[in-house]
Amino acid sequence: DLPIMDACLETGVSYLDTANYEPK
C-alpha cells in the first residue's frame, strides 16, 4: 500500500485500495 501511495504522490494520480497497510 505505502509504496504505491508514494508512487501516486510522485506522479499526481489518485489512489484506491481494498485493505489497509500491514508491515511484512
mmCIF file of all heavy atoms, coordinates in Angstrom:
data_MODEL
# 
_entry.id   MODEL 
# 
loop_
_atom_site.group_PDB 
_atom_site.id 
_atom_site.type_symbol 
_atom_site.label_atom_id 
_atom_site.label_alt_id 
_atom_site.label_comp_id 
_atom_site.label_asym_id 
_atom_site.label_entity_id 
_atom_site.label_seq_id 
_atom_site.pdbx_PDB_ins_code 
_atom_site.Cartn_x 
_atom_site.Cartn_y 
_atom_site.Cartn_z 
_atom_site.occupancy 
_atom_site.B_iso_or_equiv 
_atom_site.pdbx_formal_charge 
_atom_site.auth_seq_id 
_atom_site.auth_comp_id 
_atom_site.auth_asym_id 
_atom_site.auth_atom_id 
_atom_site.pdbx_PDB_model_num 
ATOM 1   N N   . ASP A 1 1  ? 0.818   -1.214 0.000   1.00 0.00 ? 1  ASP A N   1 
ATOM 2   C CA  . ASP A 1 1  ? 0.000   0.000  0.000   1.00 0.00 ? 1  ASP A CA  1 
ATOM 3   C C   . ASP A 1 1  ? 0.852   1.266  0.000   1.00 0.00 ? 1  ASP A C   1 
ATOM 4   O O   . ASP A 1 1  ? 0.628   2.181  -0.807  1.00 0.00 ? 1  ASP A O   1 
ATOM 5   C CB  . ASP A 1 1  ? -0.928  0.033  1.215   1.00 0.00 ? 1  ASP A CB  1 
ATOM 6   C CG  . ASP A 1 1  ? -2.064  -0.975 1.126   1.00 0.00 ? 1  ASP A CG  1 
ATOM 7   O OD1 . ASP A 1 1  ? -2.119  -1.722 0.134   1.00 0.00 ? 1  ASP A OD1 1 
ATOM 8   O OD2 . ASP A 1 1  ? -2.888  -1.026 2.062   1.00 0.00 ? 1  ASP A OD2 1 
ATOM 9   N N   . LEU A 1 2  ? 1.805   1.351  0.918   1.00 0.00 ? 2  LEU A N   1 
ATOM 10  C CA  . LEU A 1 2  ? 2.566   2.594  1.062   1.00 0.00 ? 2  LEU A CA  1 
ATOM 11  C C   . LEU A 1 2  ? 3.459   2.884  -0.145  1.00 0.00 ? 2  LEU A C   1 
ATOM 12  O O   . LEU A 1 2  ? 3.502   4.031  -0.601  1.00 0.00 ? 2  LEU A O   1 
ATOM 13  C CB  . LEU A 1 2  ? 3.374   2.584  2.362   1.00 0.00 ? 2  LEU A CB  1 
ATOM 14  C CG  . LEU A 1 2  ? 2.576   2.435  3.662   1.00 0.00 ? 2  LEU A CG  1 
ATOM 15  C CD1 . LEU A 1 2  ? 3.480   2.673  4.865   1.00 0.00 ? 2  LEU A CD1 1 
ATOM 16  C CD2 . LEU A 1 2  ? 1.382   3.360  3.709   1.00 0.00 ? 2  LEU A CD2 1 
ATOM 17  N N   . PRO A 1 3  ? 4.189   1.894  -0.696  1.00 0.00 ? 3  PRO A N   1 
ATOM 18  C CA  . PRO A 1 3  ? 4.958   2.192  -1.912  1.00 0.00 ? 3  PRO A CA  1 
ATOM 19  C C   . PRO A 1 3  ? 4.080   2.670  -3.059  1.00 0.00 ? 3  PRO A C   1 
ATOM 20  O O   . PRO A 1 3  ? 4.475   3.584  -3.808  1.00 0.00 ? 3  PRO A O   1 
ATOM 21  C CB  . PRO A 1 3  ? 5.639   0.857  -2.239  1.00 0.00 ? 3  PRO A CB  1 
ATOM 22  C CG  . PRO A 1 3  ? 5.715   0.133  -0.950  1.00 0.00 ? 3  PRO A CG  1 
ATOM 23  C CD  . PRO A 1 3  ? 4.494   0.539  -0.178  1.00 0.00 ? 3  PRO A CD  1 
ATOM 24  N N   . ILE A 1 4  ? 2.903   2.075  -3.206  1.00 0.00 ? 4  ILE A N   1 
ATOM 25  C CA  . ILE A 1 4  ? 2.020   2.504  -4.297  1.00 0.00 ? 4  ILE A CA  1 
ATOM 26  C C   . ILE A 1 4  ? 1.497   3.912  -4.030  1.00 0.00 ? 4  ILE A C   1 
ATOM 27  O O   . ILE A 1 4  ? 1.403   4.749  -4.948  1.00 0.00 ? 4  ILE A O   1 
ATOM 28  C CB  . ILE A 1 4  ? 0.879   1.495  -4.499  1.00 0.00 ? 4  ILE A CB  1 
ATOM 29  C CG1 . ILE A 1 4  ? 1.452   0.138  -4.933  1.00 0.00 ? 4  ILE A CG1 1 
ATOM 30  C CG2 . ILE A 1 4  ? -0.108  2.002  -5.569  1.00 0.00 ? 4  ILE A CG2 1 
ATOM 31  C CD1 . ILE A 1 4  ? 0.421   -0.978 -5.008  1.00 0.00 ? 4  ILE A CD1 1 
ATOM 32  N N   . MET A 1 5  ? 1.171   4.211  -2.783  1.00 0.00 ? 5  MET A N   1 
ATOM 33  C CA  . MET A 1 5  ? 0.749   5.575  -2.444  1.00 0.00 ? 5  MET A CA  1 
ATOM 34  C C   . MET A 1 5  ? 1.879   6.567  -2.693  1.00 0.00 ? 5  MET A C   1 
ATOM 35  O O   . MET A 1 5  ? 1.642   7.677  -3.191  1.00 0.00 ? 5  MET A O   1 
ATOM 36  C CB  . MET A 1 5  ? 0.275   5.640  -0.994  1.00 0.00 ? 5  MET A CB  1 
ATOM 37  C CG  . MET A 1 5  ? -1.027  4.891  -0.739  1.00 0.00 ? 5  MET A CG  1 
ATOM 38  S SD  . MET A 1 5  ? -1.580  4.962  0.992   1.00 0.00 ? 5  MET A SD  1 
ATOM 39  C CE  . MET A 1 5  ? -2.264  6.631  1.046   1.00 0.00 ? 5  MET A CE  1 
ATOM 40  N N   . ASP A 1 6  ? 3.110   6.186  -2.363  1.00 0.00 ? 6  ASP A N   1 
ATOM 41  C CA  . ASP A 1 6  ? 4.256   7.058  -2.641  1.00 0.00 ? 6  ASP A CA  1 
ATOM 42  C C   . ASP A 1 6  ? 4.374   7.346  -4.137  1.00 0.00 ? 6  ASP A C   1 
ATOM 43  O O   . ASP A 1 6  ? 4.629   8.489  -4.545  1.00 0.00 ? 6  ASP A O   1 
ATOM 44  C CB  . ASP A 1 6  ? 5.549   6.403  -2.143  1.00 0.00 ? 6  ASP A CB  1 
ATOM 45  C CG  . ASP A 1 6  ? 5.671   6.409  -0.629  1.00 0.00 ? 6  ASP A CG  1 
ATOM 46  O OD1 . ASP A 1 6  ? 5.071   7.292  0.016   1.00 0.00 ? 6  ASP A OD1 1 
ATOM 47  O OD2 . ASP A 1 6  ? 6.370   5.530  -0.088  1.00 0.00 ? 6  ASP A OD2 1 
ATOM 48  N N   . ALA A 1 7  ? 4.175   6.304  -4.950  1.00 0.00 ? 7  ALA A N   1 
ATOM 49  C CA  . ALA A 1 7  ? 4.260   6.483  -6.402  1.00 0.00 ? 7  ALA A CA  1 
ATOM 50  C C   . ALA A 1 7  ? 3.141   7.382  -6.913  1.00 0.00 ? 7  ALA A C   1 
ATOM 51  O O   . ALA A 1 7  ? 3.348   8.203  -7.817  1.00 0.00 ? 7  ALA A O   1 
ATOM 52  C CB  . ALA A 1 7  ? 4.220   5.124  -7.099  1.00 0.00 ? 7  ALA A CB  1 
ATOM 53  N N   . CYS A 1 8  ? 1.961   7.248  -6.341  1.00 0.00 ? 8  CYS A N   1 
ATOM 54  C CA  . CYS A 1 8  ? 0.842   8.109  -6.736  1.00 0.00 ? 8  CYS A CA  1 
ATOM 55  C C   . CYS A 1 8  ? 1.130   9.566  -6.371  1.00 0.00 ? 8  CYS A C   1 
ATOM 56  O O   . CYS A 1 8  ? 0.825   10.483 -7.150  1.00 0.00 ? 8  CYS A O   1 
ATOM 57  C CB  . CYS A 1 8  ? -0.450  7.639  -6.080  1.00 0.00 ? 8  CYS A CB  1 
ATOM 58  S SG  . CYS A 1 8  ? -1.129  6.124  -6.799  1.00 0.00 ? 8  CYS A SG  1 
ATOM 59  N N   . LEU A 1 9  ? 1.713   9.788  -5.192  1.00 0.00 ? 9  LEU A N   1 
ATOM 60  C CA  . LEU A 1 9  ? 2.078   11.148 -4.804  1.00 0.00 ? 9  LEU A CA  1 
ATOM 61  C C   . LEU A 1 9  ? 3.087   11.750 -5.767  1.00 0.00 ? 9  LEU A C   1 
ATOM 62  O O   . LEU A 1 9  ? 2.958   12.909 -6.179  1.00 0.00 ? 9  LEU A O   1 
ATOM 63  C CB  . LEU A 1 9  ? 2.648   11.147 -3.388  1.00 0.00 ? 9  LEU A CB  1 
ATOM 64  C CG  . LEU A 1 9  ? 1.662   11.227 -2.234  1.00 0.00 ? 9  LEU A CG  1 
ATOM 65  C CD1 . LEU A 1 9  ? 2.389   11.050 -0.911  1.00 0.00 ? 9  LEU A CD1 1 
ATOM 66  C CD2 . LEU A 1 9  ? 0.904   12.554 -2.244  1.00 0.00 ? 9  LEU A CD2 1 
ATOM 67  N N   . GLU A 1 10 ? 4.084   10.962 -6.134  1.00 0.00 ? 10 GLU A N   1 
ATOM 68  C CA  . GLU A 1 10 ? 5.131   11.482 -7.012  1.00 0.00 ? 10 GLU A CA  1 
ATOM 69  C C   . GLU A 1 10 ? 4.607   11.805 -8.409  1.00 0.00 ? 10 GLU A C   1 
ATOM 70  O O   . GLU A 1 10 ? 5.105   12.716 -9.065  1.00 0.00 ? 10 GLU A O   1 
ATOM 71  C CB  . GLU A 1 10 ? 6.273   10.472 -7.105  1.00 0.00 ? 10 GLU A CB  1 
ATOM 72  C CG  . GLU A 1 10 ? 7.506   11.017 -7.825  1.00 0.00 ? 10 GLU A CG  1 
ATOM 73  C CD  . GLU A 1 10 ? 8.735   10.171 -7.630  1.00 0.00 ? 10 GLU A CD  1 
ATOM 74  O OE1 . GLU A 1 10 ? 8.807   9.414  -6.642  1.00 0.00 ? 10 GLU A OE1 1 
ATOM 75  O OE2 . GLU A 1 10 ? 9.652   10.263 -8.490  1.00 0.00 ? 10 GLU A OE2 1 
ATOM 76  N N   . THR A 1 11 ? 3.579   11.079 -8.839  1.00 0.00 ? 11 THR A N   1 
ATOM 77  C CA  . THR A 1 11 ? 3.049   11.277 -10.190 1.00 0.00 ? 11 THR A CA  1 
ATOM 78  C C   . THR A 1 11 ? 1.756   12.083 -10.219 1.00 0.00 ? 11 THR A C   1 
ATOM 79  O O   . THR A 1 11 ? 1.244   12.402 -11.298 1.00 0.00 ? 11 THR A O   1 
ATOM 80  C CB  . THR A 1 11 ? 2.788   9.913  -10.852 1.00 0.00 ? 11 THR A CB  1 
ATOM 81  O OG1 . THR A 1 11 ? 1.935   9.122  -10.000 1.00 0.00 ? 11 THR A OG1 1 
ATOM 82  C CG2 . THR A 1 11 ? 4.100   9.173  -11.092 1.00 0.00 ? 11 THR A CG2 1 
ATOM 83  N N   . GLY A 1 12 ? 1.188   12.400 -9.051  1.00 0.00 ? 12 GLY A N   1 
ATOM 84  C CA  . GLY A 1 12 ? -0.027  13.211 -9.009  1.00 0.00 ? 12 GLY A CA  1 
ATOM 85  C C   . GLY A 1 12 ? -1.271  12.481 -9.474  1.00 0.00 ? 12 GLY A C   1 
ATOM 86  O O   . GLY A 1 12 ? -2.147  13.081 -10.109 1.00 0.00 ? 12 GLY A O   1 
ATOM 87  N N   . VAL A 1 13 ? -1.378  11.180 -9.137  1.00 0.00 ? 13 VAL A N   1 
ATOM 88  C CA  . VAL A 1 13 ? -2.516  10.360 -9.577  1.00 0.00 ? 13 VAL A CA  1 
ATOM 89  C C   . VAL A 1 13 ? -3.269  9.844  -8.354  1.00 0.00 ? 13 VAL A C   1 
ATOM 90  O O   . VAL A 1 13 ? -2.659  9.427  -7.364  1.00 0.00 ? 13 VAL A O   1 
ATOM 91  C CB  . VAL A 1 13 ? -2.032  9.178  -10.443 1.00 0.00 ? 13 VAL A CB  1 
ATOM 92  C CG1 . VAL A 1 13 ? -3.209  8.281  -10.837 1.00 0.00 ? 13 VAL A CG1 1 
ATOM 93  C CG2 . VAL A 1 13 ? -1.322  9.687  -11.696 1.00 0.00 ? 13 VAL A CG2 1 
ATOM 94  N N   . SER A 1 14 ? -4.578  9.839  -8.413  1.00 0.00 ? 14 SER A N   1 
ATOM 95  C CA  . SER A 1 14 ? -5.394  9.375  -7.297  1.00 0.00 ? 14 SER A CA  1 
ATOM 96  C C   . SER A 1 14 ? -5.278  7.867  -7.115  1.00 0.00 ? 14 SER A C   1 
ATOM 97  O O   . SER A 1 14 ? -4.864  7.132  -8.017  1.00 0.00 ? 14 SER A O   1 
ATOM 98  C CB  . SER A 1 14 ? -6.852  9.783  -7.494  1.00 0.00 ? 14 SER A CB  1 
ATOM 99  O OG  . SER A 1 14 ? -7.006  11.178 -7.335  1.00 0.00 ? 14 SER A OG  1 
ATOM 100 N N   . TYR A 1 15 ? -5.706  7.415  -5.925  1.00 0.00 ? 15 TYR A N   1 
ATOM 101 C CA  . TYR A 1 15 ? -5.406  6.054  -5.458  1.00 0.00 ? 15 TYR A CA  1 
ATOM 102 C C   . TYR A 1 15 ? -6.636  5.433  -4.818  1.00 0.00 ? 15 TYR A C   1 
ATOM 103 O O   . TYR A 1 15 ? -7.424  6.123  -4.165  1.00 0.00 ? 15 TYR A O   1 
ATOM 104 C CB  . TYR A 1 15 ? -4.263  6.153  -4.440  1.00 0.00 ? 15 TYR A CB  1 
ATOM 105 C CG  . TYR A 1 15 ? -3.999  4.928  -3.592  1.00 0.00 ? 15 TYR A CG  1 
ATOM 106 C CD1 . TYR A 1 15 ? -3.042  3.994  -3.965  1.00 0.00 ? 15 TYR A CD1 1 
ATOM 107 C CD2 . TYR A 1 15 ? -4.686  4.727  -2.385  1.00 0.00 ? 15 TYR A CD2 1 
ATOM 108 C CE1 . TYR A 1 15 ? -2.776  2.876  -3.167  1.00 0.00 ? 15 TYR A CE1 1 
ATOM 109 C CE2 . TYR A 1 15 ? -4.420  3.614  -1.587  1.00 0.00 ? 15 TYR A CE2 1 
ATOM 110 C CZ  . TYR A 1 15 ? -3.467  2.695  -1.987  1.00 0.00 ? 15 TYR A CZ  1 
ATOM 111 O OH  . TYR A 1 15 ? -3.201  1.606  -1.200  1.00 0.00 ? 15 TYR A OH  1 
ATOM 112 N N   . LEU A 1 16 ? -6.789  4.104  -4.946  1.00 0.00 ? 16 LEU A N   1 
ATOM 113 C CA  . LEU A 1 16 ? -7.857  3.355  -4.285  1.00 0.00 ? 16 LEU A CA  1 
ATOM 114 C C   . LEU A 1 16 ? -7.313  2.001  -3.861  1.00 0.00 ? 16 LEU A C   1 
ATOM 115 O O   . LEU A 1 16 ? -6.524  1.384  -4.586  1.00 0.00 ? 16 LEU A O   1 
ATOM 116 C CB  . LEU A 1 16 ? -9.045  3.163  -5.224  1.00 0.00 ? 16 LEU A CB  1 
ATOM 117 C CG  . LEU A 1 16 ? -10.217 2.291  -4.732  1.00 0.00 ? 16 LEU A CG  1 
ATOM 118 C CD1 . LEU A 1 16 ? -11.549 2.843  -5.263  1.00 0.00 ? 16 LEU A CD1 1 
ATOM 119 C CD2 . LEU A 1 16 ? -10.075 0.820  -5.171  1.00 0.00 ? 16 LEU A CD2 1 
ATOM 120 N N   . ASP A 1 17 ? -7.734  1.518  -2.667  1.00 0.00 ? 17 ASP A N   1 
ATOM 121 C CA  . ASP A 1 17 ? -7.386  0.157  -2.271  1.00 0.00 ? 17 ASP A CA  1 
ATOM 122 C C   . ASP A 1 17 ? -8.565  -0.510 -1.584  1.00 0.00 ? 17 ASP A C   1 
ATOM 123 O O   . ASP A 1 17 ? -9.633  0.096  -1.406  1.00 0.00 ? 17 ASP A O   1 
ATOM 124 C CB  . ASP A 1 17 ? -6.120  0.119  -1.400  1.00 0.00 ? 17 ASP A CB  1 
ATOM 125 C CG  . ASP A 1 17 ? -6.292  0.757  -0.015  1.00 0.00 ? 17 ASP A CG  1 
ATOM 126 O OD1 . ASP A 1 17 ? -7.417  0.781  0.514   1.00 0.00 ? 17 ASP A OD1 1 
ATOM 127 O OD2 . ASP A 1 17 ? -5.284  1.241  0.538   1.00 0.00 ? 17 ASP A OD2 1 
ATOM 128 N N   . THR A 1 18 ? -8.366  -1.778 -1.194  1.00 0.00 ? 18 THR A N   1 
ATOM 129 C CA  . THR A 1 18 ? -9.421  -2.538 -0.528  1.00 0.00 ? 18 THR A CA  1 
ATOM 130 C C   . THR A 1 18 ? -9.037  -2.989 0.870   1.00 0.00 ? 18 THR A C   1 
ATOM 131 O O   . THR A 1 18 ? -9.887  -3.492 1.608   1.00 0.00 ? 18 THR A O   1 
ATOM 132 C CB  . THR A 1 18 ? -9.790  -3.798 -1.343  1.00 0.00 ? 18 THR A CB  1 
ATOM 133 O OG1 . THR A 1 18 ? -8.638  -4.649 -1.445  1.00 0.00 ? 18 THR A OG1 1 
ATOM 134 C CG2 . THR A 1 18 ? -10.279 -3.422 -2.740  1.00 0.00 ? 18 THR A CG2 1 
ATOM 135 N N   . ALA A 1 19 ? -7.764  -2.863 1.241   1.00 0.00 ? 19 ALA A N   1 
ATOM 136 C CA  . ALA A 1 19 ? -7.311  -3.337 2.556   1.00 0.00 ? 19 ALA A CA  1 
ATOM 137 C C   . ALA A 1 19 ? -6.199  -2.440 3.056   1.00 0.00 ? 19 ALA A C   1 
ATOM 138 O O   . ALA A 1 19 ? -5.365  -1.976 2.275   1.00 0.00 ? 19 ALA A O   1 
ATOM 139 C CB  . ALA A 1 19 ? -6.815  -4.783 2.453   1.00 0.00 ? 19 ALA A CB  1 
ATOM 140 N N   . ASN A 1 20 ? -6.143  -2.202 4.363   1.00 0.00 ? 20 ASN A N   1 
ATOM 141 C CA  . ASN A 1 20 ? -5.165  -1.242 4.872   1.00 0.00 ? 20 ASN A CA  1 
ATOM 142 C C   . ASN A 1 20 ? -3.768  -1.850 4.999   1.00 0.00 ? 20 ASN A C   1 
ATOM 143 O O   . ASN A 1 20 ? -3.579  -3.056 4.925   1.00 0.00 ? 20 ASN A O   1 
ATOM 144 C CB  . ASN A 1 20 ? -5.630  -0.590 6.173   1.00 0.00 ? 20 ASN A CB  1 
ATOM 145 C CG  . ASN A 1 20 ? -5.637  -1.516 7.367   1.00 0.00 ? 20 ASN A CG  1 
ATOM 146 O OD1 . ASN A 1 20 ? -5.274  -2.671 7.303   1.00 0.00 ? 20 ASN A OD1 1 
ATOM 147 N ND2 . ASN A 1 20 ? -6.083  -0.982 8.490   1.00 0.00 ? 20 ASN A ND2 1 
ATOM 148 N N   . TYR A 1 21 ? -2.812  -0.967 5.184   1.00 0.00 ? 21 TYR A N   1 
ATOM 149 C CA  . TYR A 1 21 ? -1.402  -1.352 5.190   1.00 0.00 ? 21 TYR A CA  1 
ATOM 150 C C   . TYR A 1 21 ? -1.083  -2.287 6.346   1.00 0.00 ? 21 TYR A C   1 
ATOM 151 O O   . TYR A 1 21 ? -1.611  -2.148 7.458   1.00 0.00 ? 21 TYR A O   1 
ATOM 152 C CB  . TYR A 1 21 ? -0.518  -0.111 5.290   1.00 0.00 ? 21 TYR A CB  1 
ATOM 153 C CG  . TYR A 1 21 ? 0.954   -0.431 5.424   1.00 0.00 ? 21 TYR A CG  1 
ATOM 154 C CD1 . TYR A 1 21 ? 1.667   -0.959 4.355   1.00 0.00 ? 21 TYR A CD1 1 
ATOM 155 C CD2 . TYR A 1 21 ? 1.616   -0.225 6.631   1.00 0.00 ? 21 TYR A CD2 1 
ATOM 156 C CE1 . TYR A 1 21 ? 3.013   -1.266 4.481   1.00 0.00 ? 21 TYR A CE1 1 
ATOM 157 C CE2 . TYR A 1 21 ? 2.966   -0.531 6.765   1.00 0.00 ? 21 TYR A CE2 1 
ATOM 158 C CZ  . TYR A 1 21 ? 3.654   -1.046 5.684   1.00 0.00 ? 21 TYR A CZ  1 
ATOM 159 O OH  . TYR A 1 21 ? 4.981   -1.358 5.824   1.00 0.00 ? 21 TYR A OH  1 
ATOM 160 N N   . GLU A 1 22 ? -0.207  -3.238 6.069   1.00 0.00 ? 22 GLU A N   1 
ATOM 161 C CA  . GLU A 1 22 ? 0.260   -4.182 7.079   1.00 0.00 ? 22 GLU A CA  1 
ATOM 162 C C   . GLU A 1 22 ? 1.753   -4.392 6.881   1.00 0.00 ? 22 GLU A C   1 
ATOM 163 O O   . GLU A 1 22 ? 2.186   -4.740 5.781   1.00 0.00 ? 22 GLU A O   1 
ATOM 164 C CB  . GLU A 1 22 ? -0.477  -5.510 6.937   1.00 0.00 ? 22 GLU A CB  1 
ATOM 165 C CG  . GLU A 1 22 ? -0.099  -6.544 7.961   1.00 0.00 ? 22 GLU A CG  1 
ATOM 166 C CD  . GLU A 1 22 ? -0.928  -7.814 7.827   1.00 0.00 ? 22 GLU A CD  1 
ATOM 167 O OE1 . GLU A 1 22 ? -1.948  -7.793 7.112   1.00 0.00 ? 22 GLU A OE1 1 
ATOM 168 O OE2 . GLU A 1 22 ? -0.552  -8.819 8.441   1.00 0.00 ? 22 GLU A OE2 1 
ATOM 169 N N   . PRO A 1 23 ? 2.575   -4.176 7.897   1.00 0.00 ? 23 PRO A N   1 
ATOM 170 C CA  . PRO A 1 23 ? 4.012   -4.415 7.744   1.00 0.00 ? 23 PRO A CA  1 
ATOM 171 C C   . PRO A 1 23 ? 4.294   -5.897 7.516   1.00 0.00 ? 23 PRO A C   1 
ATOM 172 O O   . PRO A 1 23 ? 3.592   -6.759 8.036   1.00 0.00 ? 23 PRO A O   1 
ATOM 173 C CB  . PRO A 1 23 ? 4.607   -3.953 9.075   1.00 0.00 ? 23 PRO A CB  1 
ATOM 174 C CG  . PRO A 1 23 ? 3.522   -3.234 9.790   1.00 0.00 ? 23 PRO A CG  1 
ATOM 175 C CD  . PRO A 1 23 ? 2.224   -3.717 9.238   1.00 0.00 ? 23 PRO A CD  1 
ATOM 176 N N   . LYS A 1 24 ? 5.335   -6.175 6.737   1.00 0.00 ? 24 LYS A N   1 
ATOM 177 C CA  . LYS A 1 24 ? 5.684   -7.567 6.475   1.00 0.00 ? 24 LYS A CA  1 
ATOM 178 C C   . LYS A 1 24 ? 6.112   -8.304 7.738   1.00 0.00 ? 24 LYS A C   1 
ATOM 179 O O   . LYS A 1 24 ? 5.826   -9.484 7.905   1.00 0.00 ? 24 LYS A O   1 
ATOM 180 C CB  . LYS A 1 24 ? 6.829   -7.635 5.451   1.00 0.00 ? 24 LYS A CB  1 
ATOM 181 C CG  . LYS A 1 24 ? 6.385   -7.643 4.009   1.00 0.00 ? 24 LYS A CG  1 
ATOM 182 C CD  . LYS A 1 24 ? 7.574   -7.939 3.122   1.00 0.00 ? 24 LYS A CD  1 
ATOM 183 C CE  . LYS A 1 24 ? 7.124   -8.088 1.678   1.00 0.00 ? 24 LYS A CE  1 
ATOM 184 N NZ  . LYS A 1 24 ? 8.256   -8.415 0.793   1.00 0.00 ? 24 LYS A NZ  1 
# 
